[in-house]
Amino acid sequence: MQKLAIFCLFVSFLFCYLEWADQSAFVYEVAYMLLFEKSEKASSFAHPLVLLPFLGQVLVLISLFMPKPKKWMVITGMAMMGLLVLMLLMVGLLGRNWKISLATMPFLVSAVWCVRLFSGKRVGEVST
């Protein structure tokens, strides 16, 4: 179950939607541009607020292929990716851009699912 939650976390991050000026892209398009294209557009994404989430994505991907995922690795990767996702959610809400806001929801749901799985609580359990 943990592997499925980690996989959902990884994939849902890739489908977060970014929109700026007259351009738009999904995170997977930006990742491809950063890794494989050498252009001015790719160098404009070399910012800590963009690179940290991609480092978090690497941590989550590594933990996905481990026999027993390490809690610290998943939580750290999720927090690093969450920086970009929460910023996108804030931009979407403040700018009233429903496409950006809705595209963050699968990641947020997956993140809550991962936290619940790795904290040891069951989904219906209420702490007292």
Protein backbone atom coordinates (compact mmCIF):
# COMPACT_ATOMS: atom_id res chain seq x y z
CA MET A 1 0.00 0.00 0.00
CA GLN A 2 2.91 2.35 0.74
CA LYS A 3 4.37 1.84 -2.74
CA LEU A 4 1.02 2.73 -4.35
CA ALA A 5 0.77 5.89 -2.25
CA ILE A 6 4.34 6.89 -3.16
CA PHE A 7 3.65 6.23 -6.84
CA CYS A 8 0.49 8.36 -6.70
CA LEU A 9 2.47 11.12 -4.99
CA PHE A 10 5.13 11.03 -7.71
CA VAL A 11 2.69 10.98 -10.64
CA SER A 12 0.34 13.59 -9.20
CA PHE A 13 3.25 16.01 -8.83
CA LEU A 14 4.06 15.62 -12.52
CA PHE A 15 0.58 16.78 -13.49
CA CYS A 16 0.56 20.03 -11.53
CA TYR A 17 -0.13 22.89 -13.89
CA LEU A 18 1.89 26.11 -14.15
CA GLU A 19 0.84 29.25 -15.97
CA TRP A 20 2.88 32.43 -16.30
CA ALA A 21 2.61 35.44 -18.59
CA ASP A 22 1.54 33.97 -21.95
CA GLN A 23 2.96 30.48 -21.35
CA SER A 24 1.79 27.38 -19.54
CA ALA A 25 3.13 23.89 -18.86
CA PHE A 26 2.73 20.85 -16.68
CA VAL A 27 5.54 19.99 -14.29
CA TYR A 28 6.56 17.00 -16.41
CA GLU A 29 7.09 19.33 -19.39
CA VAL A 30 9.23 21.65 -17.30
CA ALA A 31 11.21 18.68 -15.96
CA TYR A 32 11.88 17.46 -19.49
CA MET A 33 12.95 20.95 -20.50
CA LEU A 34 15.33 21.21 -17.53
CA LEU A 35 16.88 17.79 -18.10
CA PHE A 36 17.14 17.51 -21.87
CA GLU A 37 16.91 20.91 -23.56
CA LYS A 38 19.63 23.52 -23.61
CA SER A 39 17.79 26.76 -24.17
CA GLU A 40 17.26 30.08 -22.48
CA LYS A 41 13.83 28.95 -21.40
CA ALA A 42 15.30 26.00 -19.50
CA SER A 43 17.84 28.16 -17.67
CA SER A 44 15.09 30.43 -16.39
CA PHE A 45 13.85 27.53 -14.24
CA ALA A 46 17.17 27.21 -12.39
CA HIS A 47 15.74 28.75 -9.23
CA PRO A 48 15.75 27.16 -5.75
CA LEU A 49 11.95 27.24 -5.60
CA VAL A 50 11.90 25.10 -8.74
CA LEU A 51 15.00 22.95 -8.21
CA LEU A 52 14.15 21.90 -4.63
CA PRO A 53 10.90 20.21 -5.73
CA PHE A 54 12.78 18.31 -8.41
CA LEU A 55 15.29 17.13 -5.79
CA GLY A 56 12.32 16.04 -3.69
CA GLN A 57 10.98 14.18 -6.68
CA VAL A 58 14.28 12.29 -6.94
CA LEU A 59 14.03 11.32 -3.25
CA VAL A 60 10.48 10.04 -3.74
CA LEU A 61 11.50 8.16 -6.88
CA ILE A 62 14.42 6.50 -5.06
CA SER A 63 12.16 5.50 -2.19
CA LEU A 64 9.68 4.04 -4.67
CA PHE A 65 12.27 1.53 -5.86
CA MET A 66 13.55 0.61 -2.39
CA PRO A 67 12.36 -2.72 -0.97
CA LYS A 68 11.14 -0.94 2.18
CA PRO A 69 10.70 2.83 1.70
CA LYS A 70 12.30 4.99 4.35
CA LYS A 71 9.88 7.32 6.11
CA TRP A 72 12.30 10.25 6.27
CA MET A 73 13.04 10.02 2.57
CA VAL A 74 9.37 10.09 1.54
CA ILE A 75 8.40 12.85 3.98
CA THR A 76 11.40 15.02 3.01
CA GLY A 77 10.73 14.54 -0.70
CA MET A 78 7.06 15.28 -0.21
CA ALA A 79 7.86 18.46 1.72
CA MET A 80 10.26 19.63 -1.00
CA MET A 81 7.69 19.00 -3.72
CA GLY A 82 5.03 20.54 -1.53
CA LEU A 83 6.82 23.89 -1.66
CA LEU A 84 6.02 24.28 -5.34
CA VAL A 85 2.56 22.75 -5.08
CA LEU A 86 1.47 24.99 -2.22
CA MET A 87 2.83 28.02 -4.03
CA LEU A 88 0.85 27.00 -7.13
CA LEU A 89 -2.27 26.52 -5.01
CA MET A 90 -1.84 29.98 -3.51
CA VAL A 91 -1.28 31.54 -6.94
CA GLY A 92 -4.31 29.73 -8.31
CA LEU A 93 -6.54 30.82 -5.45
CA LEU A 94 -5.36 34.43 -5.37
CA GLY A 95 -5.48 34.76 -9.15
CA ARG A 96 -8.79 32.89 -9.34
CA ASN A 97 -7.29 30.46 -11.83
CA TRP A 98 -9.22 27.25 -11.27
CA LYS A 99 -6.99 25.20 -13.60
CA ILE A 100 -3.94 25.77 -11.43
CA SER A 101 -5.86 25.25 -8.18
CA LEU A 102 -7.55 22.03 -9.27
CA ALA A 103 -4.32 20.60 -10.68
CA THR A 104 -2.76 20.71 -7.19
CA MET A 105 -5.54 18.70 -5.54
CA PRO A 106 -4.37 15.20 -6.56
CA PHE A 107 -0.93 15.89 -5.08
CA LEU A 108 -2.40 17.22 -1.85
CA VAL A 109 -4.68 14.19 -1.50
CA SER A 110 -1.73 11.86 -2.19
CA ALA A 111 0.40 13.74 0.35
CA VAL A 112 -2.25 13.36 3.06
CA TRP A 113 -2.55 9.66 2.18
CA CYS A 114 1.25 9.19 2.46
CA VAL A 115 1.43 11.03 5.77
CA ARG A 116 -1.35 8.88 7.19
CA LEU A 117 0.29 5.68 5.94
CA PHE A 118 3.74 6.57 7.25
CA SER A 119 2.47 7.89 10.58
CA GLY A 120 0.90 4.51 11.28
CA LYS A 121 -2.69 5.75 11.61
CA ARG A 122 -5.47 3.99 9.79
CA VAL A 123 -7.64 6.00 7.41
CA GLY A 124 -10.79 5.93 9.60
CA GLU A 125 -8.98 6.21 12.92
CA VAL A 126 -9.47 9.29 15.07
CA SER A 127 -6.79 10.19 17.62
CA THR A 128 -7.87 11.06 21.14
